[in-house]
Amino acid sequence: MPSKDHTLTAEQSALAGVYVLIGVPVDQLPYSPAMELLVQEYSRRIGRTATARECFAELLYLRKRGLLPRIRRRVA
């Protein structure tokens, strides 16, 4: 968890970077094939296997604290 000064951990920073790269809003990720891509790339960056549940929970945590950039909904 980030400290009170909102400093992200290395893993949180990696997750945020992958989130921006994927470009799908948090609320759409569980229903998108992009979630699998996010989990794979995040796992590669941190050097261990992460789960979709772990990634989604951490993204929600970061979003609710205003630590993720806003990504607009994709137009189909």
C-alpha atoms as a PDB file:
ATOM      1  CA  MET A   1       0.000   0.000   0.000  1.00  0.00           C
ATOM      2  CA  PRO A   2       1.242   3.478  -0.740  1.00  0.00           C
ATOM      3  CA  SER A   3       2.384   5.650   2.123  1.00  0.00           C
ATOM      4  CA  LYS A   4       0.466   8.771   3.113  1.00  0.00           C
ATOM      5  CA  ASP A   5       2.440  10.817   0.578  1.00  0.00           C
ATOM      6  CA  HIS A   6       0.927   8.659  -2.190  1.00  0.00           C
ATOM      7  CA  THR A   7       4.203   7.091  -3.244  1.00  0.00           C
ATOM      8  CA  LEU A   8       3.549   3.965  -5.273  1.00  0.00           C
ATOM      9  CA  THR A   9       5.442   0.769  -4.611  1.00  0.00           C
ATOM     10  CA  ALA A  10       7.427  -0.728  -7.490  1.00  0.00           C
ATOM     11  CA  GLU A  11       4.664  -3.286  -8.093  1.00  0.00           C
ATOM     12  CA  GLN A  12       1.921  -0.657  -7.998  1.00  0.00           C
ATOM     13  CA  SER A  13       3.881   1.487 -10.419  1.00  0.00           C
ATOM     14  CA  ALA A  14       4.320  -1.498 -12.757  1.00  0.00           C
ATOM     15  CA  LEU A  15       0.604  -2.249 -12.589  1.00  0.00           C
ATOM     16  CA  ALA A  16      -0.325   1.380 -13.283  1.00  0.00           C
ATOM     17  CA  GLY A  17       2.025   1.398 -16.269  1.00  0.00           C
ATOM     18  CA  VAL A  18       0.476  -1.729 -17.735  1.00  0.00           C
ATOM     19  CA  TYR A  19      -3.009  -0.336 -17.082  1.00  0.00           C
ATOM     20  CA  VAL A  20      -2.208   2.787 -19.095  1.00  0.00           C
ATOM     21  CA  LEU A  21      -0.624   0.685 -21.854  1.00  0.00           C
ATOM     22  CA  ILE A  22      -3.710  -1.571 -22.107  1.00  0.00           C
ATOM     23  CA  GLY A  23      -6.001   1.465 -22.210  1.00  0.00           C
ATOM     24  CA  VAL A  24      -9.197  -0.131 -20.889  1.00  0.00           C
ATOM     25  CA  PRO A  25     -10.999   1.536 -17.951  1.00  0.00           C
ATOM     26  CA  VAL A  26     -10.940  -0.387 -14.655  1.00  0.00           C
ATOM     27  CA  ASP A  27     -14.706  -0.942 -14.678  1.00  0.00           C
ATOM     28  CA  GLN A  28     -14.499  -2.660 -18.092  1.00  0.00           C
ATOM     29  CA  LEU A  29     -11.465  -4.856 -17.431  1.00  0.00           C
ATOM     30  CA  PRO A  30     -13.182  -7.872 -15.822  1.00  0.00           C
ATOM     31  CA  TYR A  31     -15.366  -8.243 -18.917  1.00  0.00           C
ATOM     32  CA  SER A  32     -12.615  -7.689 -21.452  1.00  0.00           C
ATOM     33  CA  PRO A  33     -10.002  -9.940 -23.051  1.00  0.00           C
ATOM     34  CA  ALA A  34      -7.621  -7.110 -22.169  1.00  0.00           C
ATOM     35  CA  MET A  35      -7.624  -8.338 -18.553  1.00  0.00           C
ATOM     36  CA  GLU A  36      -5.634 -11.420 -19.541  1.00  0.00           C
ATOM     37  CA  LEU A  37      -3.132  -9.236 -21.389  1.00  0.00           C
ATOM     38  CA  LEU A  38      -2.826  -6.956 -18.368  1.00  0.00           C
ATOM     39  CA  VAL A  39      -2.177  -9.896 -16.020  1.00  0.00           C
ATOM     40  CA  GLN A  40       0.417 -11.426 -18.362  1.00  0.00           C
ATOM     41  CA  GLU A  41       2.337  -8.191 -18.868  1.00  0.00           C
ATOM     42  CA  TYR A  42       2.156  -7.237 -15.192  1.00  0.00           C
ATOM     43  CA  SER A  43       3.412 -10.708 -14.189  1.00  0.00           C
ATOM     44  CA  ARG A  44       6.288 -10.386 -16.657  1.00  0.00           C
ATOM     45  CA  ARG A  45       7.258  -6.964 -15.294  1.00  0.00           C
ATOM     46  CA  ILE A  46       7.239  -7.976 -11.619  1.00  0.00           C
ATOM     47  CA  GLY A  47       8.858 -11.377 -12.146  1.00  0.00           C
ATOM     48  CA  ARG A  48       6.136 -13.483 -10.543  1.00  0.00           C
ATOM     49  CA  THR A  49       2.720 -14.822 -11.439  1.00  0.00           C
ATOM     50  CA  ALA A  50      -0.136 -12.499 -10.559  1.00  0.00           C
ATOM     51  CA  THR A  51      -3.843 -13.315 -10.679  1.00  0.00           C
ATOM     52  CA  ALA A  52      -6.622 -11.359 -12.356  1.00  0.00           C
ATOM     53  CA  ARG A  53      -8.266 -10.965  -8.961  1.00  0.00           C
ATOM     54  CA  GLU A  54      -5.092  -9.539  -7.424  1.00  0.00           C
ATOM     55  CA  CYS A  55      -4.640  -7.091 -10.307  1.00  0.00           C
ATOM     56  CA  PHE A  56      -8.256  -5.957 -10.280  1.00  0.00           C
ATOM     57  CA  ALA A  57      -8.295  -5.447  -6.505  1.00  0.00           C
ATOM     58  CA  GLU A  58      -5.111  -3.389  -6.618  1.00  0.00           C
ATOM     59  CA  LEU A  59      -6.371  -1.324  -9.566  1.00  0.00           C
ATOM     60  CA  LEU A  60      -9.564  -0.550  -7.647  1.00  0.00           C
ATOM     61  CA  TYR A  61      -7.511   0.426  -4.597  1.00  0.00           C
ATOM     62  CA  LEU A  62      -5.366   2.777  -6.678  1.00  0.00           C
ATOM     63  CA  ARG A  63      -8.332   4.237  -8.554  1.00  0.00           C
ATOM     64  CA  LYS A  64     -10.295   4.979  -5.386  1.00  0.00           C
ATOM     65  CA  ARG A  65      -7.321   6.871  -4.004  1.00  0.00           C
ATOM     66  CA  GLY A  66      -6.897   8.895  -7.194  1.00  0.00           C
ATOM     67  CA  LEU A  67      -3.557   7.301  -8.039  1.00  0.00           C
ATOM     68  CA  LEU A  68      -4.474   6.059 -11.526  1.00  0.00           C
ATOM     69  CA  PRO A  69      -4.869   8.244 -14.586  1.00  0.00           C
ATOM     70  CA  ARG A  70      -8.389   8.407 -15.985  1.00  0.00           C
ATOM     71  CA  ILE A  71      -8.889   6.295 -19.088  1.00  0.00           C
ATOM     72  CA  ARG A  72     -11.955   7.095 -21.153  1.00  0.00           C
ATOM     73  CA  ARG A  73     -14.212   4.351 -22.451  1.00  0.00           C
ATOM     74  CA  ARG A  74     -13.236   2.953 -25.793  1.00  0.00           C
ATOM     75  CA  VAL A  75     -15.553   3.551 -28.687  1.00  0.00           C
ATOM     76  CA  ALA A  76     -16.501   0.246 -30.316  1.00  0.00           C
END
